[in-house]
Amino acid sequence: MSLFLIFAAVAPVDLFLGLGVFALCLTVLWGERRFWALALVCLVSPLAIFLLFDQVFEIRFPRGILTNLWYG
């Protein structure tokens, strides 16, 4: 339940950042300890979700710190 609270705290700043933090925390809770695997999940999962929704489904994410860089 605390994982959802963390996501809810970070998502208003930027949904993309919230997805990354959620993926990282979930992977740590599953027991992953290798830094490269954590970094890969933390970066690739949100990026894949973002590009899928933005480019394929043409659904824009709410603007935030990182999404403003993409949307201009």
C-alpha atoms as a PDB file:
ATOM      1  CA  MET A   1       0.000   0.000   0.000  1.00  0.00           C
ATOM      2  CA  SER A   2       2.900   2.338   0.708  1.00  0.00           C
ATOM      3  CA  LEU A   3       4.044   1.874  -2.889  1.00  0.00           C
ATOM      4  CA  PHE A   4       0.831   3.476  -4.121  1.00  0.00           C
ATOM      5  CA  LEU A   5       1.264   6.326  -1.652  1.00  0.00           C
ATOM      6  CA  ILE A   6       4.764   6.967  -3.003  1.00  0.00           C
ATOM      7  CA  PHE A   7       3.395   6.959  -6.559  1.00  0.00           C
ATOM      8  CA  ALA A   8       0.599   9.332  -5.553  1.00  0.00           C
ATOM      9  CA  ALA A   9       3.142  11.711  -4.031  1.00  0.00           C
ATOM     10  CA  VAL A  10       5.467  11.731  -7.060  1.00  0.00           C
ATOM     11  CA  ALA A  11       2.904  11.608  -9.897  1.00  0.00           C
ATOM     12  CA  PRO A  12       1.650  15.214  -9.494  1.00  0.00           C
ATOM     13  CA  VAL A  13       5.211  16.414 -10.138  1.00  0.00           C
ATOM     14  CA  ASP A  14       5.449  14.315 -13.314  1.00  0.00           C
ATOM     15  CA  LEU A  15       3.577  11.142 -14.252  1.00  0.00           C
ATOM     16  CA  PHE A  16       6.587   9.818 -16.174  1.00  0.00           C
ATOM     17  CA  LEU A  17       8.740  10.260 -13.072  1.00  0.00           C
ATOM     18  CA  GLY A  18       6.056   8.583 -10.977  1.00  0.00           C
ATOM     19  CA  LEU A  19       6.038   5.571 -13.277  1.00  0.00           C
ATOM     20  CA  GLY A  20       9.818   5.287 -12.963  1.00  0.00           C
ATOM     21  CA  VAL A  21       9.759   5.472  -9.176  1.00  0.00           C
ATOM     22  CA  PHE A  22       6.920   2.946  -9.046  1.00  0.00           C
ATOM     23  CA  ALA A  23       8.803   0.515 -11.317  1.00  0.00           C
ATOM     24  CA  LEU A  24      11.996   0.925  -9.281  1.00  0.00           C
ATOM     25  CA  CYS A  25      10.278   0.385  -5.919  1.00  0.00           C
ATOM     26  CA  LEU A  26       8.303  -2.595  -7.196  1.00  0.00           C
ATOM     27  CA  THR A  27      11.455  -4.233  -8.533  1.00  0.00           C
ATOM     28  CA  VAL A  28      13.234  -3.683  -5.206  1.00  0.00           C
ATOM     29  CA  LEU A  29      10.254  -5.182  -3.337  1.00  0.00           C
ATOM     30  CA  TRP A  30      10.454  -8.247  -5.590  1.00  0.00           C
ATOM     31  CA  GLY A  31      14.024  -8.739  -4.374  1.00  0.00           C
ATOM     32  CA  GLU A  32      16.135  -7.484  -7.258  1.00  0.00           C
ATOM     33  CA  ARG A  33      19.478  -6.123  -6.017  1.00  0.00           C
ATOM     34  CA  ARG A  34      21.580  -5.748  -9.169  1.00  0.00           C
ATOM     35  CA  PHE A  35      22.039  -2.057  -9.934  1.00  0.00           C
ATOM     36  CA  TRP A  36      22.034  -2.468 -13.717  1.00  0.00           C
ATOM     37  CA  ALA A  37      18.742  -4.389 -13.627  1.00  0.00           C
ATOM     38  CA  LEU A  38      17.141  -1.775 -11.362  1.00  0.00           C
ATOM     39  CA  ALA A  39      18.301   1.034 -13.635  1.00  0.00           C
ATOM     40  CA  LEU A  40      17.069  -0.809 -16.716  1.00  0.00           C
ATOM     41  CA  VAL A  41      13.593  -1.362 -15.262  1.00  0.00           C
ATOM     42  CA  CYS A  42      13.466   2.185 -13.891  1.00  0.00           C
ATOM     43  CA  LEU A  43      14.256   3.714 -17.287  1.00  0.00           C
ATOM     44  CA  VAL A  44      12.932   1.304 -19.923  1.00  0.00           C
ATOM     45  CA  SER A  45       9.505   0.517 -18.451  1.00  0.00           C
ATOM     46  CA  PRO A  46       8.278   4.127 -18.144  1.00  0.00           C
ATOM     47  CA  LEU A  47       9.858   5.042 -21.477  1.00  0.00           C
ATOM     48  CA  ALA A  48       8.108   2.141 -23.229  1.00  0.00           C
ATOM     49  CA  ILE A  49       4.762   3.024 -21.624  1.00  0.00           C
ATOM     50  CA  PHE A  50       5.176   6.689 -22.476  1.00  0.00           C
ATOM     51  CA  LEU A  51       6.133   6.068 -26.119  1.00  0.00           C
ATOM     52  CA  LEU A  52       3.382   3.480 -26.567  1.00  0.00           C
ATOM     53  CA  PHE A  53       0.665   5.826 -25.359  1.00  0.00           C
ATOM     54  CA  ASP A  54       2.116   8.960 -26.971  1.00  0.00           C
ATOM     55  CA  GLN A  55       3.144   7.623 -30.379  1.00  0.00           C
ATOM     56  CA  VAL A  56       0.900   4.610 -30.972  1.00  0.00           C
ATOM     57  CA  PHE A  57      -2.329   5.476 -29.158  1.00  0.00           C
ATOM     58  CA  GLU A  58      -1.796   9.252 -29.505  1.00  0.00           C
ATOM     59  CA  ILE A  59      -2.794   9.868 -25.883  1.00  0.00           C
ATOM     60  CA  ARG A  60      -0.896  12.714 -24.252  1.00  0.00           C
ATOM     61  CA  PHE A  61       0.288  12.473 -20.697  1.00  0.00           C
ATOM     62  CA  PRO A  62      -0.346  15.349 -18.285  1.00  0.00           C
ATOM     63  CA  ARG A  63       2.414  17.923 -18.402  1.00  0.00           C
ATOM     64  CA  GLY A  64       5.149  17.784 -15.821  1.00  0.00           C
ATOM     65  CA  ILE A  65       8.864  18.391 -15.478  1.00  0.00           C
ATOM     66  CA  LEU A  66      10.010  15.652 -17.889  1.00  0.00           C
ATOM     67  CA  THR A  67       7.003  15.609 -20.213  1.00  0.00           C
ATOM     68  CA  ASN A  68       7.428  19.338 -20.868  1.00  0.00           C
ATOM     69  CA  LEU A  69      10.810  18.498 -22.402  1.00  0.00           C
ATOM     70  CA  TRP A  70       9.127  16.091 -24.839  1.00  0.00           C
ATOM     71  CA  TYR A  71       6.068  18.167 -25.668  1.00  0.00           C
ATOM     72  CA  GLY A  72       7.964  21.431 -25.899  1.00  0.00           C
END
